[in-house]
Amino acid sequence: MMNLIKLVPYTLAGLWSRELLLTALVLSPVAYLGVYLGYRLQHHLDEKTFLLTCRWLLAFSGVALLIKALA
């Protein structure tokens, strides 16, 4: 819903391009696949394991971003 609300100001600001819309169209199935797999994974793991996995992934991505910023 939030992304639909963004359509109006983005359109008025001229932030859309044909290339951007094509990229979004191509990547949409990948995004839906990620949501589906995440949903399935969340329901197959117990809450403690799921939260621990999420924390490790967030920590890893945070460290990677820090290294990238400092390099």
PDB file of N, CA and C in Angstrom:
ATOM      1  N   MET A   1       0.830  -1.195   0.000  1.00  0.00           N
ATOM      2  CA  MET A   1       0.000   0.000   0.000  1.00  0.00           C
ATOM      3  C   MET A   1       0.874   1.258   0.000  1.00  0.00           C
ATOM      4  N   MET A   2       1.950   1.224   0.788  1.00  0.00           N
ATOM      5  CA  MET A   2       2.806   2.398   0.884  1.00  0.00           C
ATOM      6  C   MET A   2       3.440   2.733  -0.468  1.00  0.00           C
ATOM      7  N   ASN A   3       3.833   1.709  -1.213  1.00  0.00           N
ATOM      8  CA  ASN A   3       4.438   1.959  -2.516  1.00  0.00           C
ATOM      9  C   ASN A   3       3.442   2.566  -3.499  1.00  0.00           C
ATOM     10  N   LEU A   4       2.174   2.212  -3.383  1.00  0.00           N
ATOM     11  CA  LEU A   4       1.159   2.827  -4.241  1.00  0.00           C
ATOM     12  C   LEU A   4       1.015   4.309  -3.944  1.00  0.00           C
ATOM     13  N   ILE A   5       1.141   4.672  -2.675  1.00  0.00           N
ATOM     14  CA  ILE A   5       1.045   6.077  -2.284  1.00  0.00           C
ATOM     15  C   ILE A   5       2.213   6.877  -2.860  1.00  0.00           C
ATOM     16  N   LYS A   6       3.374   6.244  -2.996  1.00  0.00           N
ATOM     17  CA  LYS A   6       4.559   6.920  -3.522  1.00  0.00           C
ATOM     18  C   LYS A   6       4.459   7.224  -5.014  1.00  0.00           C
ATOM     19  N   LEU A   7       3.555   6.568  -5.711  1.00  0.00           N
ATOM     20  CA  LEU A   7       3.445   6.772  -7.152  1.00  0.00           C
ATOM     21  C   LEU A   7       3.174   8.227  -7.526  1.00  0.00           C
ATOM     22  N   VAL A   8       2.293   8.883  -6.798  1.00  0.00           N
ATOM     23  CA  VAL A   8       1.909  10.253  -7.145  1.00  0.00           C
ATOM     24  C   VAL A   8       3.088  11.221  -7.012  1.00  0.00           C
ATOM     25  N   PRO A   9       3.744  11.310  -5.851  1.00  0.00           N
ATOM     26  CA  PRO A   9       4.852  12.272  -5.774  1.00  0.00           C
ATOM     27  C   PRO A   9       6.027  11.920  -6.683  1.00  0.00           C
ATOM     28  N   TYR A  10       6.321  10.643  -6.860  1.00  0.00           N
ATOM     29  CA  TYR A  10       7.413  10.244  -7.752  1.00  0.00           C
ATOM     30  C   TYR A  10       7.097  10.643  -9.190  1.00  0.00           C
ATOM     31  N   THR A  11       5.845  10.469  -9.593  1.00  0.00           N
ATOM     32  CA  THR A  11       5.444  10.842 -10.944  1.00  0.00           C
ATOM     33  C   THR A  11       5.514  12.363 -11.122  1.00  0.00           C
ATOM     34  N   LEU A  12       5.028  13.103 -10.138  1.00  0.00           N
ATOM     35  CA  LEU A  12       5.064  14.565 -10.216  1.00  0.00           C
ATOM     36  C   LEU A  12       6.497  15.096 -10.232  1.00  0.00           C
ATOM     37  N   ALA A  13       7.410  14.401  -9.564  1.00  0.00           N
ATOM     38  CA  ALA A  13       8.807  14.837  -9.521  1.00  0.00           C
ATOM     39  C   ALA A  13       9.594  14.364 -10.744  1.00  0.00           C
ATOM     40  N   GLY A  14       8.964  13.569 -11.592  1.00  0.00           N
ATOM     41  CA  GLY A  14       9.633  13.098 -12.800  1.00  0.00           C
ATOM     42  C   GLY A  14      10.706  12.058 -12.538  1.00  0.00           C
ATOM     43  N   LEU A  15      10.523  11.256 -11.489  1.00  0.00           N
ATOM     44  CA  LEU A  15      11.533  10.266 -11.120  1.00  0.00           C
ATOM     45  C   LEU A  15      11.389   8.931 -11.843  1.00  0.00           C
ATOM     46  N   TRP A  16      10.400   8.802 -12.688  1.00  0.00           N
ATOM     47  CA  TRP A  16      10.197   7.546 -13.413  1.00  0.00           C
ATOM     48  C   TRP A  16      10.898   7.618 -14.758  1.00  0.00           C
ATOM     49  N   SER A  17      11.469   6.501 -15.149  1.00  0.00           N
ATOM     50  CA  SER A  17      12.018   6.378 -16.497  1.00  0.00           C
ATOM     51  C   SER A  17      11.615   5.010 -17.032  1.00  0.00           C
ATOM     52  N   ARG A  18      11.708   4.856 -18.323  1.00  0.00           N
ATOM     53  CA  ARG A  18      11.352   3.578 -18.929  1.00  0.00           C
ATOM     54  C   ARG A  18      12.264   2.462 -18.412  1.00  0.00           C
ATOM     55  N   GLU A  19      13.547   2.772 -18.292  1.00  0.00           N
ATOM     56  CA  GLU A  19      14.522   1.791 -17.799  1.00  0.00           C
ATOM     57  C   GLU A  19      14.208   1.362 -16.368  1.00  0.00           C
ATOM     58  N   LEU A  20      13.840   2.321 -15.526  1.00  0.00           N
ATOM     59  CA  LEU A  20      13.510   2.015 -14.138  1.00  0.00           C
ATOM     60  C   LEU A  20      12.276   1.123 -14.049  1.00  0.00           C
ATOM     61  N   LEU A  21      11.254   1.442 -14.818  1.00  0.00           N
ATOM     62  CA  LEU A  21      10.033   0.631 -14.803  1.00  0.00           C
ATOM     63  C   LEU A  21      10.283  -0.769 -15.339  1.00  0.00           C
ATOM     64  N   LEU A  22      11.125  -0.895 -16.366  1.00  0.00           N
ATOM     65  CA  LEU A  22      11.458  -2.207 -16.903  1.00  0.00           C
ATOM     66  C   LEU A  22      12.232  -3.032 -15.875  1.00  0.00           C
ATOM     67  N   THR A  23      13.172  -2.407 -15.188  1.00  0.00           N
ATOM     68  CA  THR A  23      13.929  -3.100 -14.143  1.00  0.00           C
ATOM     69  C   THR A  23      13.005  -3.568 -13.033  1.00  0.00           C
ATOM     70  N   ALA A  24      12.084  -2.718 -12.611  1.00  0.00           N
ATOM     71  CA  ALA A  24      11.123  -3.098 -11.567  1.00  0.00           C
ATOM     72  C   ALA A  24      10.256  -4.262 -12.024  1.00  0.00           C
ATOM     73  N   LEU A  25       9.843  -4.241 -13.264  1.00  0.00           N
ATOM     74  CA  LEU A  25       9.023  -5.313 -13.809  1.00  0.00           C
ATOM     75  C   LEU A  25       9.791  -6.638 -13.836  1.00  0.00           C
ATOM     76  N   VAL A  26      11.044  -6.592 -14.229  1.00  0.00           N
ATOM     77  CA  VAL A  26      11.868  -7.798 -14.306  1.00  0.00           C
ATOM     78  C   VAL A  26      12.154  -8.354 -12.910  1.00  0.00           C
ATOM     79  N   LEU A  27      12.370  -7.474 -11.943  1.00  0.00           N
ATOM     80  CA  LEU A  27      12.736  -7.924 -10.592  1.00  0.00           C
ATOM     81  C   LEU A  27      11.541  -8.284  -9.713  1.00  0.00           C
ATOM     82  N   SER A  28      10.341  -7.941 -10.114  1.00  0.00           N
ATOM     83  CA  SER A  28       9.155  -8.240  -9.303  1.00  0.00           C
ATOM     84  C   SER A  28       8.996  -9.725  -8.982  1.00  0.00           C
ATOM     85  N   PRO A  29       9.153 -10.632  -9.951  1.00  0.00           N
ATOM     86  CA  PRO A  29       9.028 -12.060  -9.601  1.00  0.00           C
ATOM     87  C   PRO A  29      10.071 -12.508  -8.569  1.00  0.00           C
ATOM     88  N   VAL A  30      11.268 -11.951  -8.646  1.00  0.00           N
ATOM     89  CA  VAL A  30      12.309 -12.307  -7.681  1.00  0.00           C
ATOM     90  C   VAL A  30      11.914 -11.836  -6.287  1.00  0.00           C
ATOM     91  N   ALA A  31      11.329 -10.646  -6.198  1.00  0.00           N
ATOM     92  CA  ALA A  31      10.883 -10.127  -4.906  1.00  0.00           C
ATOM     93  C   ALA A  31       9.780 -10.995  -4.314  1.00  0.00           C
ATOM     94  N   TYR A  32       8.819 -11.383  -5.144  1.00  0.00           N
ATOM     95  CA  TYR A  32       7.734 -12.242  -4.657  1.00  0.00           C
ATOM     96  C   TYR A  32       8.253 -13.614  -4.239  1.00  0.00           C
ATOM     97  N   LEU A  33       9.239 -14.143  -4.962  1.00  0.00           N
ATOM     98  CA  LEU A  33       9.850 -15.414  -4.587  1.00  0.00           C
ATOM     99  C   LEU A  33      10.532 -15.294  -3.229  1.00  0.00           C
ATOM    100  N   GLY A  34      11.223 -14.197  -2.999  1.00  0.00           N
ATOM    101  CA  GLY A  34      11.872 -13.971  -1.710  1.00  0.00           C
ATOM    102  C   GLY A  34      10.882 -13.897  -0.564  1.00  0.00           C
ATOM    103  N   VAL A  35       9.764 -13.228  -0.789  1.00  0.00           N
ATOM    104  CA  VAL A  35       8.723 -13.142   0.243  1.00  0.00           C
ATOM    105  C   VAL A  35       8.150 -14.527   0.528  1.00  0.00           C
ATOM    106  N   TYR A  36       7.875 -15.276  -0.525  1.00  0.00           N
ATOM    107  CA  TYR A  36       7.320 -16.624  -0.369  1.00  0.00           C
ATOM    108  C   TYR A  36       8.291 -17.537   0.390  1.00  0.00           C
ATOM    109  N   LEU A  37       9.560 -17.522  -0.012  1.00  0.00           N
ATOM    110  CA  LEU A  37      10.543 -18.376   0.659  1.00  0.00           C
ATOM    111  C   LEU A  37      10.744 -17.960   2.118  1.00  0.00           C
ATOM    112  N   GLY A  38      10.748 -16.664   2.377  1.00  0.00           N
ATOM    113  CA  GLY A  38      10.873 -16.181   3.750  1.00  0.00           C
ATOM    114  C   GLY A  38       9.695 -16.608   4.616  1.00  0.00           C
ATOM    115  N   TYR A  39       8.513 -16.551   4.048  1.00  0.00           N
ATOM    116  CA  TYR A  39       7.311 -16.979   4.765  1.00  0.00           C
ATOM    117  C   TYR A  39       7.403 -18.462   5.115  1.00  0.00           C
ATOM    118  N   ARG A  40       7.796 -19.264   4.121  1.00  0.00           N
ATOM    119  CA  ARG A  40       7.916 -20.718   4.343  1.00  0.00           C
ATOM    120  C   ARG A  40       8.992 -21.027   5.379  1.00  0.00           C
ATOM    121  N   LEU A  41      10.132 -20.350   5.266  1.00  0.00           N
ATOM    122  CA  LEU A  41      11.227 -20.576   6.201  1.00  0.00           C
ATOM    123  C   LEU A  41      10.820 -20.202   7.620  1.00  0.00           C
ATOM    124  N   GLN A  42      10.135 -19.092   7.765  1.00  0.00           N
ATOM    125  CA  GLN A  42       9.725 -18.629   9.093  1.00  0.00           C
ATOM    126  C   GLN A  42       8.798 -19.629   9.766  1.00  0.00           C
ATOM    127  N   HIS A  43       7.953 -20.280   9.006  1.00  0.00           N
ATOM    128  CA  HIS A  43       7.005 -21.219   9.597  1.00  0.00           C
ATOM    129  C   HIS A  43       7.592 -22.610   9.822  1.00  0.00           C
ATOM    130  N   HIS A  44       8.784 -22.872   9.283  1.00  0.00           N
ATOM    131  CA  HIS A  44       9.428 -24.166   9.509  1.00  0.00           C
ATOM    132  C   HIS A  44      10.468 -24.120  10.615  1.00  0.00           C
ATOM    133  N   LEU A  45      10.869 -22.935  11.030  1.00  0.00           N
ATOM    134  CA  LEU A  45      11.845 -22.792  12.113  1.00  0.00           C
ATOM    135  C   LEU A  45      11.127 -22.345  13.380  1.00  0.00           C
ATOM    136  N   ASP A  46      11.667 -22.764  14.509  1.00  0.00           N
ATOM    137  CA  ASP A  46      11.091 -22.229  15.739  1.00  0.00           C
ATOM    138  C   ASP A  46      11.531 -20.772  15.889  1.00  0.00           C
ATOM    139  N   GLU A  47      10.817 -20.025  16.705  1.00  0.00           N
ATOM    140  CA  GLU A  47      11.029 -18.580  16.810  1.00  0.00           C
ATOM    141  C   GLU A  47      12.457 -18.235  17.233  1.00  0.00           C
ATOM    142  N   LYS A  48      13.003 -18.971  18.180  1.00  0.00           N
ATOM    143  CA  LYS A  48      14.347 -18.672  18.680  1.00  0.00           C
ATOM    144  C   LYS A  48      15.390 -18.812  17.567  1.00  0.00           C
ATOM    145  N   THR A  49      15.304 -19.880  16.799  1.00  0.00           N
ATOM    146  CA  THR A  49      16.248 -20.105  15.703  1.00  0.00           C
ATOM    147  C   THR A  49      16.089 -19.049  14.623  1.00  0.00           C
ATOM    148  N   PHE A  50      14.858 -18.710  14.306  1.00  0.00           N
ATOM    149  CA  PHE A  50      14.591 -17.703  13.281  1.00  0.00           C
ATOM    150  C   PHE A  50      15.167 -16.350  13.686  1.00  0.00           C
ATOM    151  N   LEU A  51      14.925 -15.932  14.922  1.00  0.00           N
ATOM    152  CA  LEU A  51      15.430 -14.639  15.386  1.00  0.00           C
ATOM    153  C   LEU A  51      16.957 -14.624  15.445  1.00  0.00           C
ATOM    154  N   LEU A  52      17.551 -15.724  15.879  1.00  0.00           N
ATOM    155  CA  LEU A  52      19.013 -15.798  15.931  1.00  0.00           C
ATOM    156  C   LEU A  52      19.604 -15.695  14.522  1.00  0.00           C
ATOM    157  N   THR A  53      18.994 -16.370  13.565  1.00  0.00           N
ATOM    158  CA  THR A  53      19.453 -16.302  12.178  1.00  0.00           C
ATOM    159  C   THR A  53      19.333 -14.875  11.642  1.00  0.00           C
ATOM    160  N   CYS A  54      18.221 -14.230  11.924  1.00  0.00           N
ATOM    161  CA  CYS A  54      18.027 -12.843  11.474  1.00  0.00           C
ATOM    162  C   CYS A  54      19.069 -11.913  12.078  1.00  0.00           C
ATOM    163  N   ARG A  55      19.349 -12.090  13.337  1.00  0.00           N
ATOM    164  CA  ARG A  55      20.358 -11.236  14.004  1.00  0.00           C
ATOM    165  C   ARG A  55      21.737 -11.423  13.397  1.00  0.00           C
ATOM    166  N   TRP A  56      22.120 -12.664  13.115  1.00  0.00           N
ATOM    167  CA  TRP A  56      23.422 -12.927  12.508  1.00  0.00           C
ATOM    168  C   TRP A  56      23.496 -12.329  11.104  1.00  0.00           C
ATOM    169  N   LEU A  57      22.431 -12.472  10.345  1.00  0.00           N
ATOM    170  CA  LEU A  57      22.428 -11.894   8.999  1.00  0.00           C
ATOM    171  C   LEU A  57      22.510 -10.364   9.047  1.00  0.00           C
ATOM    172  N   LEU A  58      21.816  -9.748  10.001  1.00  0.00           N
ATOM    173  CA  LEU A  58      21.892  -8.296  10.146  1.00  0.00           C
ATOM    174  C   LEU A  58      23.288  -7.854  10.587  1.00  0.00           C
ATOM    175  N   ALA A  59      23.878  -8.593  11.506  1.00  0.00           N
ATOM    176  CA  ALA A  59      25.235  -8.265  11.966  1.00  0.00           C
ATOM    177  C   ALA A  59      26.222  -8.384  10.812  1.00  0.00           C
ATOM    178  N   PHE A  60      26.124  -9.461  10.049  1.00  0.00           N
ATOM    179  CA  PHE A  60      27.022  -9.668   8.921  1.00  0.00           C
ATOM    180  C   PHE A  60      26.879  -8.557   7.888  1.00  0.00           C
ATOM    181  N   SER A  61      25.642  -8.205   7.555  1.00  0.00           N
ATOM    182  CA  SER A  61      25.439  -7.149   6.563  1.00  0.00           C
ATOM    183  C   SER A  61      25.909  -5.792   7.093  1.00  0.00           C
ATOM    184  N   GLY A  62      25.743  -5.552   8.388  1.00  0.00           N
ATOM    185  CA  GLY A  62      26.226  -4.308   8.983  1.00  0.00           C
ATOM    186  C   GLY A  62      27.735  -4.191   8.915  1.00  0.00           C
ATOM    187  N   VAL A  63      28.432  -5.278   9.232  1.00  0.00           N
ATOM    188  CA  VAL A  63      29.894  -5.285   9.151  1.00  0.00           C
ATOM    189  C   VAL A  63      30.338  -5.093   7.703  1.00  0.00           C
ATOM    190  N   ALA A  64      29.660  -5.754   6.764  1.00  0.00           N
ATOM    191  CA  ALA A  64      30.005  -5.605   5.349  1.00  0.00           C
ATOM    192  C   ALA A  64      29.822  -4.158   4.897  1.00  0.00           C
ATOM    193  N   LEU A  65      28.770  -3.505   5.350  1.00  0.00           N
ATOM    194  CA  LEU A  65      28.543  -2.111   4.990  1.00  0.00           C
ATOM    195  C   LEU A  65      29.604  -1.189   5.599  1.00  0.00           C
ATOM    196  N   LEU A  66      30.004  -1.469   6.821  1.00  0.00           N
ATOM    197  CA  LEU A  66      31.065  -0.672   7.456  1.00  0.00           C
ATOM    198  C   LEU A  66      32.378  -0.820   6.708  1.00  0.00           C
ATOM    199  N   ILE A  67      32.712  -2.040   6.345  1.00  0.00           N
ATOM    200  CA  ILE A  67      33.954  -2.266   5.596  1.00  0.00           C
ATOM    201  C   ILE A  67      33.903  -1.549   4.252  1.00  0.00           C
ATOM    202  N   LYS A  68      32.761  -1.625   3.583  1.00  0.00           N
ATOM    203  CA  LYS A  68      32.611  -0.946   2.293  1.00  0.00           C
ATOM    204  C   LYS A  68      32.732   0.574   2.438  1.00  0.00           C
ATOM    205  N   ALA A  69      32.158   1.106   3.523  1.00  0.00           N
ATOM    206  CA  ALA A  69      32.198   2.554   3.737  1.00  0.00           C
ATOM    207  C   ALA A  69      33.621   3.039   4.057  1.00  0.00           C
ATOM    208  N   LEU A  70      34.386   2.217   4.726  1.00  0.00           N
ATOM    209  CA  LEU A  70      35.733   2.611   5.132  1.00  0.00           C
ATOM    210  C   LEU A  70      36.791   2.323   4.064  1.00  0.00           C
ATOM    211  N   ALA A  71      36.426   1.533   3.083  1.00  0.00           N
ATOM    212  CA  ALA A  71      37.410   1.160   2.044  1.00  0.00           C
ATOM    213  C   ALA A  71      37.573   2.242   0.994  1.00  0.00           C
TER     214      ALA A  71
END
